[in-house]
């Protein structure tokens, strides 16, 4: 089982700042393994962050993103106690999800 997504969200003066750490190998597929064979690409391709029924972030990632991506962003709205839900899908069909309350 993969490590859980870590989410920090804080509301201040009508803006909510969110930081999301998604443990993932983010393999580019450009390197070689110990036997000299090419490694299979394995990376997060889609991320979605929701506040209730409202999507506040939708992102497409690629092999250019490093291991264990950290995404930080702000949006208008959100109150302390509201729930932030994060989901990701990678290029092999694996999925991850996590949630946190806004502080």
C-alpha atoms as a PDB file:
ATOM      1  CA  UNK A   1       0.000   0.000   0.000  1.00  0.00           C
ATOM      2  CA  UNK A   2       1.280   3.457  -0.914  1.00  0.00           C
ATOM      3  CA  UNK A   3       1.987   6.101   1.699  1.00  0.00           C
ATOM      4  CA  UNK A   4      -1.003   8.370   2.316  1.00  0.00           C
ATOM      5  CA  UNK A   5      -1.408  11.776   0.734  1.00  0.00           C
ATOM      6  CA  UNK A   6      -0.514  14.534   3.197  1.00  0.00           C
ATOM      7  CA  UNK A   7      -2.684  17.649   3.020  1.00  0.00           C
ATOM      8  CA  UNK A   8      -2.408  20.940   4.852  1.00  0.00           C
ATOM      9  CA  UNK A   9      -5.096  23.579   4.338  1.00  0.00           C
ATOM     10  CA  UNK A  10      -5.498  26.890   6.131  1.00  0.00           C
ATOM     11  CA  UNK A  11      -8.044  29.671   5.610  1.00  0.00           C
ATOM     12  CA  UNK A  12      -7.161  33.324   6.166  1.00  0.00           C
ATOM     13  CA  UNK A  13      -9.157  36.428   5.152  1.00  0.00           C
ATOM     14  CA  UNK A  14     -11.249  34.634   2.504  1.00  0.00           C
ATOM     15  CA  UNK A  15      -8.301  32.768   0.922  1.00  0.00           C
ATOM     16  CA  UNK A  16      -7.489  29.127   1.531  1.00  0.00           C
ATOM     17  CA  UNK A  17      -3.903  27.968   1.077  1.00  0.00           C
ATOM     18  CA  UNK A  18      -3.429  24.274   0.366  1.00  0.00           C
ATOM     19  CA  UNK A  19      -0.293  22.115   0.300  1.00  0.00           C
ATOM     20  CA  UNK A  20      -0.536  18.533  -0.953  1.00  0.00           C
ATOM     21  CA  UNK A  21       2.307  15.985  -0.752  1.00  0.00           C
ATOM     22  CA  UNK A  22       1.662  12.885  -2.876  1.00  0.00           C
ATOM     23  CA  UNK A  23       4.137  10.038  -2.268  1.00  0.00           C
ATOM     24  CA  UNK A  24       4.845   8.484  -5.683  1.00  0.00           C
ATOM     25  CA  UNK A  25       7.998   7.283  -7.510  1.00  0.00           C
ATOM     26  CA  UNK A  26       7.348   9.483 -10.570  1.00  0.00           C
ATOM     27  CA  UNK A  27       9.574   7.351 -12.820  1.00  0.00           C
ATOM     28  CA  UNK A  28      10.292   9.024 -16.172  1.00  0.00           C
ATOM     29  CA  UNK A  29      10.882   5.839 -18.134  1.00  0.00           C
ATOM     30  CA  UNK A  30      14.130   7.324 -19.491  1.00  0.00           C
ATOM     31  CA  UNK A  31      16.540   5.561 -17.117  1.00  0.00           C
ATOM     32  CA  UNK A  32      17.945   2.048 -17.014  1.00  0.00           C
ATOM     33  CA  UNK A  33      17.598  -0.532 -14.267  1.00  0.00           C
ATOM     34  CA  UNK A  34      20.545  -2.495 -12.786  1.00  0.00           C
ATOM     35  CA  UNK A  35      20.454  -4.994 -15.662  1.00  0.00           C
ATOM     36  CA  UNK A  36      20.627  -2.267 -18.309  1.00  0.00           C
ATOM     37  CA  UNK A  37      16.987  -2.516 -19.399  1.00  0.00           C
ATOM     38  CA  UNK A  38      14.793   0.543 -19.725  1.00  0.00           C
ATOM     39  CA  UNK A  39      12.580   1.383 -16.795  1.00  0.00           C
ATOM     40  CA  UNK A  40       8.846   1.612 -17.303  1.00  0.00           C
ATOM     41  CA  UNK A  41       7.378   5.119 -17.017  1.00  0.00           C
ATOM     42  CA  UNK A  42       5.247   5.465 -13.876  1.00  0.00           C
ATOM     43  CA  UNK A  43       3.998   8.938 -12.966  1.00  0.00           C
ATOM     44  CA  UNK A  44       0.948  10.772 -11.651  1.00  0.00           C
ATOM     45  CA  UNK A  45      -0.951  12.072 -14.651  1.00  0.00           C
ATOM     46  CA  UNK A  46      -4.070  13.686 -13.150  1.00  0.00           C
ATOM     47  CA  UNK A  47      -4.783  15.450  -9.854  1.00  0.00           C
ATOM     48  CA  UNK A  48      -8.101  16.851  -8.667  1.00  0.00           C
ATOM     49  CA  UNK A  49      -8.825  18.812  -5.495  1.00  0.00           C
ATOM     50  CA  UNK A  50     -12.395  19.429  -4.364  1.00  0.00           C
ATOM     51  CA  UNK A  51     -14.041  21.506  -1.672  1.00  0.00           C
ATOM     52  CA  UNK A  52     -17.372  19.734  -1.290  1.00  0.00           C
ATOM     53  CA  UNK A  53     -18.940  19.690  -4.783  1.00  0.00           C
ATOM     54  CA  UNK A  54     -16.634  22.463  -6.059  1.00  0.00           C
ATOM     55  CA  UNK A  55     -13.451  21.572  -7.958  1.00  0.00           C
ATOM     56  CA  UNK A  56     -10.773  24.046  -6.869  1.00  0.00           C
ATOM     57  CA  UNK A  57      -7.839  22.503  -8.768  1.00  0.00           C
ATOM     58  CA  UNK A  58      -7.480  20.158 -11.710  1.00  0.00           C
ATOM     59  CA  UNK A  59      -3.927  19.465 -12.930  1.00  0.00           C
ATOM     60  CA  UNK A  60      -2.193  17.302 -15.541  1.00  0.00           C
ATOM     61  CA  UNK A  61       1.302  16.165 -14.582  1.00  0.00           C
ATOM     62  CA  UNK A  62       4.028  14.504 -16.648  1.00  0.00           C
ATOM     63  CA  UNK A  63       7.406  12.843 -16.349  1.00  0.00           C
ATOM     64  CA  UNK A  64       8.936  16.293 -15.722  1.00  0.00           C
ATOM     65  CA  UNK A  65       7.665  16.272 -12.103  1.00  0.00           C
ATOM     66  CA  UNK A  66       9.994  14.930  -9.412  1.00  0.00           C
ATOM     67  CA  UNK A  67       9.421  12.063  -6.980  1.00  0.00           C
ATOM     68  CA  UNK A  68       6.810  12.710  -4.262  1.00  0.00           C
ATOM     69  CA  UNK A  69       5.225  15.809  -5.853  1.00  0.00           C
ATOM     70  CA  UNK A  70       4.338  18.738  -3.621  1.00  0.00           C
ATOM     71  CA  UNK A  71       1.616  21.025  -4.968  1.00  0.00           C
ATOM     72  CA  UNK A  72       0.822  24.338  -3.287  1.00  0.00           C
ATOM     73  CA  UNK A  73      -1.987  26.678  -4.356  1.00  0.00           C
ATOM     74  CA  UNK A  74      -4.571  29.175  -3.084  1.00  0.00           C
ATOM     75  CA  UNK A  75      -8.226  29.664  -3.841  1.00  0.00           C
ATOM     76  CA  UNK A  76     -10.995  32.029  -2.766  1.00  0.00           C
ATOM     77  CA  UNK A  77     -13.447  30.556  -0.302  1.00  0.00           C
ATOM     78  CA  UNK A  78     -13.326  27.754   2.187  1.00  0.00           C
ATOM     79  CA  UNK A  79     -13.920  28.026   5.917  1.00  0.00           C
ATOM     80  CA  UNK A  80     -12.228  26.371   8.887  1.00  0.00           C
ATOM     81  CA  UNK A  81     -13.726  22.895   9.243  1.00  0.00           C
ATOM     82  CA  UNK A  82     -14.601  22.512   5.525  1.00  0.00           C
ATOM     83  CA  UNK A  83     -13.249  19.339   3.954  1.00  0.00           C
ATOM     84  CA  UNK A  84     -10.686  19.240   1.120  1.00  0.00           C
ATOM     85  CA  UNK A  85     -10.612  16.015  -0.955  1.00  0.00           C
ATOM     86  CA  UNK A  86      -7.627  15.129  -3.168  1.00  0.00           C
ATOM     87  CA  UNK A  87      -7.503  12.345  -5.755  1.00  0.00           C
ATOM     88  CA  UNK A  88      -4.809  11.366  -8.243  1.00  0.00           C
ATOM     89  CA  UNK A  89      -4.499   8.828 -11.042  1.00  0.00           C
ATOM     90  CA  UNK A  90      -1.247   7.693 -12.595  1.00  0.00           C
ATOM     91  CA  UNK A  91      -0.398   6.531 -16.101  1.00  0.00           C
ATOM     92  CA  UNK A  92      -0.710   2.856 -15.050  1.00  0.00           C
ATOM     93  CA  UNK A  93      -4.215   3.323 -13.624  1.00  0.00           C
ATOM     94  CA  UNK A  94      -3.211   3.377  -9.946  1.00  0.00           C
ATOM     95  CA  UNK A  95      -5.128   5.828  -7.777  1.00  0.00           C
ATOM     96  CA  UNK A  96      -4.609   7.696  -4.540  1.00  0.00           C
ATOM     97  CA  UNK A  97      -6.926   9.743  -2.375  1.00  0.00           C
ATOM     98  CA  UNK A  98      -6.877  11.741   0.812  1.00  0.00           C
ATOM     99  CA  UNK A  99      -8.789  14.402   2.667  1.00  0.00           C
ATOM    100  CA  UNK A 100      -8.266  16.994   5.377  1.00  0.00           C
ATOM    101  CA  UNK A 101     -10.194  19.723   7.137  1.00  0.00           C
ATOM    102  CA  UNK A 102      -9.319  23.352   6.587  1.00  0.00           C
ATOM    103  CA  UNK A 103      -7.684  24.858   9.655  1.00  0.00           C
END
